[in-house]
Amino acid sequence: MSPRTDPILDCPLDQVPDSREFVEAAMRWHFSPETGSPFWLERARTLGFDPRADVHSFEDLRRFPNVTNELREVRVEDLIPRGYGPDAAVAGVFESGGTTGPPKRVVVLRDWLDRLMHRLEQDLEAKGYPENGNWLSLGPTGPHIYGELIRRQAERRGGIRLTVDMDPRWVKRSIAEGRAEEAERYAEHLIDQSAHLLRTQDVRVMVTTPPLLTRLARRDALVGLINEKVSVIGWSGAHMDPDTHYLLRTEVFPGVRLYGMYGSTMILGGLPERVVPPEQDVVVFDAFSPYVAFQVVDPRTGESVRIGDRGQVVMHHVSKSFLLPNNLERDLATRVAAPPGQTGDSVADVGPLPTFEDEPVIEGVY
């Protein structure tokens, strides 16, 4: 079958394709001269194997080198598969947070964003996010994918999105250069703007990062407004330790549902936490098979750790519009058994490495 027309790559949004068949079709698409991107067609010359013949499964994706650092410099046009033709529907160009150096850059096409948003909308419905309620987004917009995802989620739930924009790179730079007081003032400036919106608008859903959520929790008046007005708090963009999560959920915002999302620009989005009984008080993130997969490995050997052990997170993204396998992330996590039918691992208790690629990891506010 021609890779240009392989239907599994365009399967209906509510279907889950077979993982092996999907990976094989994706390899034909991304490494065929008529359909692959210039970046991967050029990179294929140095792989030492033929993905179309040698890559069949999720496990085989570990054969690829980690090419994420090359995304700091590559032309964005070279990341678009030729099979889309000259009029590829580009939803946006998004960048990493720049935590460990110059940002990495990805191109998100509309067909992938539609697929991801269908998955996220199912989760919003299952968790009872309010319909027709206003959203307050306290987080970055462009060039980060965070803002685009929040905009689309609010739109799908029939809400109006209110925003407080921020530049997380300036905060990280201030901290790295020893200007902690400047970073502190900037963070408080963001909270002040949020306070005005919370006082004057009807906010049902608030989405922000853990560092800013803990700052909001320091102001009694804002805690009162949030408990009075907000039904759901979504957090993402940085890590939240279990003790902070428990305190916020049970004591600070006891009447508000608290849900996390874990992701990365390098997987072109984020994935919501698994719904578990409240008494378990554990935040688990499942993958989005077969498009996004996690693997928790021993950083010294690269081998998978046992269920319940901690290791470094490897992420894979495989879709028609983009390919980025074997990305060793800056995160540590506990390996959790995946639900039936999911490719790879699920993860819990995600936290940052102190250093990554010989650079200190600075989260700041995002």
Protein backbone atom coordinates (compact mmCIF):
# COMPACT_ATOMS: atom_id res chain seq x y z
CA MET A 1 0.00 0.00 0.00
CA SER A 2 1.31 3.45 -0.83
CA PRO A 3 2.48 5.30 2.28
CA ARG A 4 0.68 8.35 0.94
CA THR A 5 -2.68 6.65 1.39
CA ASP A 6 -2.15 4.34 4.36
CA PRO A 7 -5.48 4.77 6.18
CA ILE A 8 -4.19 3.85 9.64
CA LEU A 9 -2.38 7.19 9.85
CA ASP A 10 -5.69 8.99 9.39
CA CYS A 11 -7.91 6.68 11.40
CA PRO A 12 -11.08 8.17 12.96
CA LEU A 13 -10.48 10.19 16.11
CA ASP A 14 -12.40 7.76 18.30
CA GLN A 15 -10.45 4.69 17.16
CA VAL A 16 -7.22 3.32 18.66
CA PRO A 17 -5.08 1.76 15.92
CA ASP A 18 -2.95 -1.32 16.44
CA SER A 19 0.40 -0.15 17.78
CA ARG A 20 2.61 -2.34 15.59
CA GLU A 21 0.71 -1.60 12.39
CA PHE A 22 0.70 2.09 13.20
CA VAL A 23 4.46 2.28 13.88
CA GLU A 24 5.22 0.43 10.65
CA ALA A 25 2.97 2.75 8.64
CA ALA A 26 4.55 5.80 10.28
CA MET A 27 8.05 4.58 9.38
CA ARG A 28 7.02 4.15 5.74
CA TRP A 29 5.52 7.64 5.74
CA HIS A 30 8.36 9.49 7.44
CA PHE A 31 11.18 7.74 5.57
CA SER A 32 9.77 7.49 2.05
CA PRO A 33 11.28 10.16 -0.24
CA GLU A 34 7.89 11.32 -1.49
CA THR A 35 6.29 11.74 1.95
CA GLY A 36 8.98 12.21 4.62
CA SER A 37 10.22 15.53 5.95
CA PRO A 38 13.53 16.95 4.68
CA PHE A 39 14.87 16.74 8.24
CA TRP A 40 14.27 12.99 8.65
CA LEU A 41 15.17 12.08 5.08
CA GLU A 42 18.56 13.72 5.55
CA ARG A 43 18.98 12.30 9.05
CA ALA A 44 18.19 8.78 7.81
CA ARG A 45 21.55 8.65 6.05
CA THR A 46 23.36 8.54 9.39
CA LEU A 47 21.06 6.23 11.37
CA GLY A 48 22.86 3.00 10.54
CA PHE A 49 19.55 1.18 9.99
CA ASP A 50 16.50 1.45 7.72
CA PRO A 51 13.43 2.44 9.76
CA ARG A 52 11.12 1.12 7.05
CA ALA A 53 12.63 -2.34 7.34
CA ASP A 54 13.90 -2.46 10.91
CA VAL A 55 11.42 -0.55 13.10
CA HIS A 56 8.17 -2.36 13.84
CA SER A 57 7.25 -1.70 17.47
CA PHE A 58 7.39 0.69 20.36
CA GLU A 59 10.51 -1.09 21.64
CA ASP A 60 12.25 -0.56 18.30
CA LEU A 61 11.93 3.23 18.68
CA ARG A 62 14.82 3.08 21.16
CA ARG A 63 17.10 2.43 18.18
CA PHE A 64 16.80 6.07 17.15
CA PRO A 65 19.26 8.63 18.46
CA ASN A 66 17.87 11.46 20.57
CA VAL A 67 17.72 14.31 18.04
CA THR A 68 15.97 16.91 20.17
CA ASN A 69 19.01 19.19 20.41
CA GLU A 70 19.00 19.45 16.62
CA LEU A 71 15.58 21.09 16.86
CA ARG A 72 17.24 24.22 18.24
CA GLU A 73 18.56 25.16 14.79
CA VAL A 74 16.62 23.26 12.09
CA ARG A 75 14.45 25.26 9.65
CA VAL A 76 10.80 24.79 10.56
CA GLU A 77 9.91 24.09 6.93
CA ASP A 78 12.20 21.05 7.02
CA LEU A 79 10.11 19.47 9.79
CA ILE A 80 6.93 19.22 7.68
CA PRO A 81 6.44 15.88 5.88
CA ARG A 82 6.42 16.31 2.09
CA GLY A 83 3.34 14.11 1.87
CA TYR A 84 1.21 17.05 3.01
CA GLY A 85 2.12 18.99 -0.12
CA PRO A 86 2.68 22.74 -0.33
CA ASP A 87 -0.40 23.69 1.68
CA ALA A 88 0.10 21.85 4.96
CA ALA A 89 -2.31 23.20 7.59
CA VAL A 90 0.09 24.52 10.23
CA ALA A 91 -1.60 25.17 13.57
CA GLY A 92 1.53 26.72 15.04
CA VAL A 93 5.24 26.64 15.66
CA PHE A 94 5.96 26.07 19.34
CA GLU A 95 9.10 26.11 21.43
CA SER A 96 10.38 24.45 24.58
CA GLY A 97 10.75 26.50 27.72
CA GLY A 98 14.48 27.03 27.32
CA THR A 99 15.18 25.43 30.69
CA THR A 100 18.52 23.96 29.57
CA GLY A 101 19.67 26.33 26.83
CA PRO A 102 18.28 27.77 23.59
CA PRO A 103 14.72 26.56 22.95
CA LYS A 104 13.86 23.62 20.73
CA ARG A 105 11.24 24.15 18.07
CA VAL A 106 8.44 21.95 16.65
CA VAL A 107 5.77 22.41 13.99
CA VAL A 108 2.26 21.34 14.95
CA LEU A 109 -0.10 20.54 12.10
CA ARG A 110 -3.84 20.85 12.43
CA ASP A 111 -4.62 17.15 12.06
CA TRP A 112 -2.50 16.31 15.12
CA LEU A 113 -3.99 19.12 17.18
CA ASP A 114 -7.50 17.97 16.28
CA ARG A 115 -6.63 14.43 17.41
CA LEU A 116 -5.09 15.61 20.68
CA MET A 117 -7.98 17.95 21.44
CA HIS A 118 -10.47 15.13 20.89
CA ARG A 119 -8.57 13.12 23.50
CA LEU A 120 -8.48 16.05 25.94
CA GLU A 121 -12.15 16.86 25.42
CA GLN A 122 -13.04 13.31 26.44
CA ASP A 123 -11.11 13.86 29.66
CA LEU A 124 -12.75 17.22 30.37
CA GLU A 125 -16.15 15.59 29.97
CA ALA A 126 -15.26 12.62 32.18
CA LYS A 127 -14.02 14.92 34.95
CA GLY A 128 -17.02 17.18 34.79
CA TYR A 129 -15.37 20.42 33.76
CA PRO A 130 -18.13 23.03 33.69
CA GLU A 131 -19.71 23.97 30.38
CA ASN A 132 -20.16 27.59 29.35
CA GLY A 133 -17.97 28.79 32.20
CA ASN A 134 -15.13 31.27 31.96
CA TRP A 135 -11.53 30.07 32.16
CA LEU A 136 -8.64 32.01 33.70
CA SER A 137 -5.30 31.04 32.20
CA LEU A 138 -2.31 32.18 34.22
CA GLY A 139 0.54 30.95 32.05
CA PRO A 140 2.52 31.59 28.87
CA THR A 141 1.04 31.95 25.42
CA GLY A 142 3.28 31.92 22.34
CA PRO A 143 5.77 30.54 21.61
CA HIS A 144 4.71 27.90 24.15
CA ILE A 145 2.06 25.31 23.26
CA TYR A 146 0.53 25.75 26.75
CA GLY A 147 -1.54 28.75 25.75
CA GLU A 148 -2.86 27.19 22.55
CA LEU A 149 -4.05 24.06 24.37
CA ILE A 150 -5.85 26.09 27.04
CA ARG A 151 -7.48 28.31 24.43
CA ARG A 152 -8.85 25.33 22.54
CA GLN A 153 -10.03 23.53 25.67
CA ALA A 154 -11.95 26.58 26.88
CA GLU A 155 -13.47 26.99 23.42
CA ARG A 156 -14.60 23.37 23.29
CA ARG A 157 -16.31 23.70 26.69
CA GLY A 158 -18.13 26.82 25.52
CA GLY A 159 -16.22 29.15 27.83
CA ILE A 160 -14.49 32.50 27.47
CA ARG A 161 -10.76 32.43 28.19
CA LEU A 162 -9.34 35.23 30.33
CA THR A 163 -5.55 35.45 30.31
CA VAL A 164 -2.58 36.66 32.27
CA ASP A 165 0.43 36.24 30.03
CA MET A 166 3.95 35.64 31.29
CA ASP A 167 7.49 35.24 30.04
CA PRO A 168 8.93 32.23 31.91
CA ARG A 169 12.29 32.62 30.19
CA TRP A 170 12.83 36.01 31.83
CA VAL A 171 12.19 34.48 35.25
CA LYS A 172 14.63 31.64 34.56
CA ARG A 173 17.24 34.08 33.30
CA SER A 174 16.82 36.27 36.36
CA ILE A 175 17.28 33.28 38.68
CA ALA A 176 20.29 31.99 36.72
CA GLU A 177 21.94 35.41 36.90
CA GLY A 178 21.39 35.71 40.64
CA ARG A 179 18.60 38.27 40.41
CA ALA A 180 16.16 36.38 42.61
CA GLU A 181 14.51 39.58 43.85
CA GLU A 182 13.62 40.56 40.28
CA ALA A 183 12.11 37.14 39.64
CA GLU A 184 10.14 37.46 42.87
CA ARG A 185 8.74 40.86 41.89
CA TYR A 186 7.75 39.57 38.44
CA ALA A 187 5.91 36.59 39.94
CA GLU A 188 4.01 38.86 42.33
CA HIS A 189 3.14 41.09 39.37
CA LEU A 190 1.47 38.08 37.74
CA ILE A 191 -0.48 37.29 40.92
CA ASP A 192 -1.66 40.91 41.14
CA GLN A 193 -3.11 40.69 37.64
CA SER A 194 -4.81 37.41 38.46
CA ALA A 195 -6.29 38.90 41.60
CA HIS A 196 -8.02 41.63 39.62
CA LEU A 197 -9.59 39.11 37.25
CA LEU A 198 -10.70 36.84 40.08
CA ARG A 199 -12.35 39.78 41.85
CA THR A 200 -14.18 41.18 38.82
CA GLN A 201 -15.02 38.16 36.64
CA ASP A 202 -16.97 34.94 36.96
CA VAL A 203 -14.20 32.34 36.73
CA ARG A 204 -15.20 28.66 36.80
CA VAL A 205 -11.94 27.06 35.66
CA MET A 206 -8.47 28.30 36.53
CA VAL A 207 -5.37 26.91 34.84
CA THR A 208 -1.87 27.76 36.02
CA THR A 209 1.50 26.35 37.05
CA PRO A 210 2.34 24.88 40.48
CA PRO A 211 4.74 27.71 41.44
CA LEU A 212 2.08 30.33 40.74
CA LEU A 213 -0.69 28.29 42.35
CA THR A 214 1.29 28.12 45.58
CA ARG A 215 1.76 31.89 45.40
CA LEU A 216 -1.98 32.39 44.98
CA ALA A 217 -2.45 30.20 48.06
CA ARG A 218 -0.42 32.64 50.18
CA ARG A 219 -3.06 35.35 49.84
CA ASP A 220 -6.08 34.63 52.00
CA ALA A 221 -8.37 36.88 49.99
CA LEU A 222 -7.55 35.03 46.77
CA VAL A 223 -8.00 31.66 48.43
CA GLY A 224 -11.45 32.77 49.45
CA LEU A 225 -12.34 33.95 45.94
CA ILE A 226 -11.11 30.74 44.35
CA ASN A 227 -13.04 28.55 46.78
CA GLU A 228 -16.14 30.65 46.16
CA LYS A 229 -16.02 30.91 42.36
CA VAL A 230 -13.81 28.22 40.85
CA SER A 231 -14.96 24.63 40.22
CA VAL A 232 -11.75 23.20 38.75
CA ILE A 233 -8.06 24.09 38.98
CA GLY A 234 -5.83 22.65 36.29
CA TRP A 235 -2.07 22.67 36.84
CA SER A 236 0.78 21.95 34.45
CA GLY A 237 3.98 23.43 33.08
CA ALA A 238 6.07 22.58 36.15
CA HIS A 239 6.20 19.88 38.79
CA MET A 240 4.17 19.54 41.98
CA ASP A 241 5.43 17.40 44.84
CA PRO A 242 3.00 15.03 46.60
CA ASP A 243 2.96 16.98 49.89
CA THR A 244 2.06 20.24 48.16
CA HIS A 245 -0.61 18.49 46.12
CA TYR A 246 -2.18 16.99 49.25
CA LEU A 247 -2.13 20.31 51.10
CA LEU A 248 -3.68 22.27 48.23
CA ARG A 249 -6.33 19.62 47.58
CA THR A 250 -7.42 18.98 51.15
CA GLU A 251 -6.78 22.19 53.11
CA VAL A 252 -6.32 25.21 50.85
CA PHE A 253 -8.88 24.47 48.12
CA PRO A 254 -11.01 21.68 49.61
CA GLY A 255 -14.07 22.44 47.52
CA VAL A 256 -12.24 22.71 44.21
CA ARG A 257 -11.25 19.78 42.00
CA LEU A 258 -7.51 19.77 41.30
CA TYR A 259 -6.25 18.09 38.13
CA GLY A 260 -2.79 17.94 36.64
CA MET A 261 -1.47 17.60 33.10
CA TYR A 262 1.96 16.27 32.15
CA GLY A 263 3.57 16.86 28.83
CA SER A 264 6.27 18.50 26.82
CA THR A 265 6.63 20.55 23.70
CA MET A 266 8.60 17.58 22.37
CA ILE A 267 5.50 15.37 22.40
CA LEU A 268 3.43 18.22 20.95
CA GLY A 269 1.13 18.57 23.93
CA GLY A 270 0.18 17.31 27.35
CA LEU A 271 -1.79 14.44 28.85
CA PRO A 272 -4.20 14.63 31.79
CA GLU A 273 -3.90 12.76 35.05
CA ARG A 274 -5.69 9.47 35.53
CA VAL A 275 -8.90 9.55 37.56
CA VAL A 276 -8.34 7.63 40.80
CA PRO A 277 -10.33 7.45 44.07
CA PRO A 278 -9.56 10.47 46.30
CA GLU A 279 -8.22 8.31 49.11
CA GLN A 280 -5.35 7.12 46.90
CA ASP A 281 -3.96 10.68 46.61
CA VAL A 282 -1.56 9.79 43.82
CA VAL A 283 -1.21 11.63 40.52
CA VAL A 284 -0.69 9.21 37.63
CA PHE A 285 -0.31 10.18 33.99
CA ASP A 286 -1.16 7.72 31.22
CA ALA A 287 0.17 7.93 27.69
CA PHE A 288 -1.84 8.45 24.49
CA SER A 289 -1.35 5.23 22.56
CA PRO A 290 0.01 4.74 20.03
CA TYR A 291 0.94 8.36 19.37
CA VAL A 292 2.67 9.31 22.62
CA ALA A 293 4.46 6.80 24.82
CA PHE A 294 6.46 7.03 28.05
CA GLN A 295 9.24 4.77 29.26
CA VAL A 296 10.92 5.03 32.66
CA VAL A 297 14.58 3.98 32.48
CA ASP A 298 17.69 3.74 34.58
CA PRO A 299 19.72 6.78 33.43
CA ARG A 300 22.96 4.84 33.79
CA THR A 301 21.99 1.84 31.67
CA GLY A 302 18.99 2.99 29.61
CA GLU A 303 17.09 -0.12 30.68
CA SER A 304 13.54 -0.01 32.01
CA VAL A 305 13.23 0.13 35.78
CA ARG A 306 10.85 -2.14 37.65
CA ILE A 307 7.25 -1.16 38.36
CA GLY A 308 7.30 1.08 41.44
CA ASP A 309 10.91 2.20 40.98
CA ARG A 310 12.04 5.65 39.93
CA GLY A 311 13.93 6.48 36.78
CA GLN A 312 14.31 9.02 34.01
CA VAL A 313 11.48 9.56 31.54
CA VAL A 314 11.89 8.79 27.86
CA MET A 315 9.16 10.16 25.60
CA HIS A 316 8.20 9.11 22.08
CA HIS A 317 5.95 10.96 19.65
CA VAL A 318 4.82 9.14 16.50
CA SER A 319 2.08 10.60 14.33
CA LYS A 320 1.48 11.33 10.68
CA SER A 321 2.52 14.95 11.12
CA PHE A 322 5.58 14.55 13.34
CA LEU A 323 8.15 12.03 14.51
CA LEU A 324 10.31 12.41 17.60
CA PRO A 325 11.28 9.09 19.18
CA ASN A 326 13.59 8.32 22.08
CA ASN A 327 13.66 11.74 23.73
CA LEU A 328 15.33 11.51 27.13
CA GLU A 329 13.53 14.15 29.19
CA ARG A 330 14.76 16.16 32.20
CA ASP A 331 12.22 14.42 34.44
CA LEU A 332 12.38 11.67 37.03
CA ALA A 333 9.25 9.63 37.70
CA THR A 334 7.96 6.47 39.32
CA ARG A 335 7.08 3.76 36.83
CA VAL A 336 3.42 2.74 37.09
CA ALA A 337 1.73 -0.16 35.34
CA ALA A 338 -0.07 1.04 32.24
CA PRO A 339 -3.77 0.36 31.74
CA PRO A 340 -4.70 -2.47 29.36
CA GLY A 341 -3.98 -1.65 25.74
CA GLN A 342 -1.60 1.23 26.44
CA THR A 343 1.84 1.25 24.87
CA GLY A 344 4.74 1.82 27.27
CA ASP A 345 4.56 3.00 30.88
CA SER A 346 2.45 5.31 32.98
CA VAL A 347 4.23 7.71 35.34
CA ALA A 348 3.69 9.19 38.80
CA ASP A 349 5.45 11.59 41.20
CA VAL A 350 7.16 13.41 38.35
CA GLY A 351 10.00 15.70 39.40
CA PRO A 352 12.93 17.48 37.77
CA LEU A 353 16.52 16.36 37.57
CA PRO A 354 18.88 18.82 39.31
CA THR A 355 21.00 19.02 36.16
CA PHE A 356 20.39 18.01 32.56
CA GLU A 357 22.81 18.07 29.63
CA ASP A 358 25.39 19.60 31.98
CA GLU A 359 23.11 22.56 32.71
CA PRO A 360 21.25 23.28 35.96
CA VAL A 361 17.49 22.78 35.62
CA ILE A 362 15.68 26.01 36.52
CA GLU A 363 11.88 25.79 36.56
CA GLY A 364 11.06 29.28 37.82
CA VAL A 365 7.34 29.81 37.21
CA TYR A 366 6.94 27.36 34.29
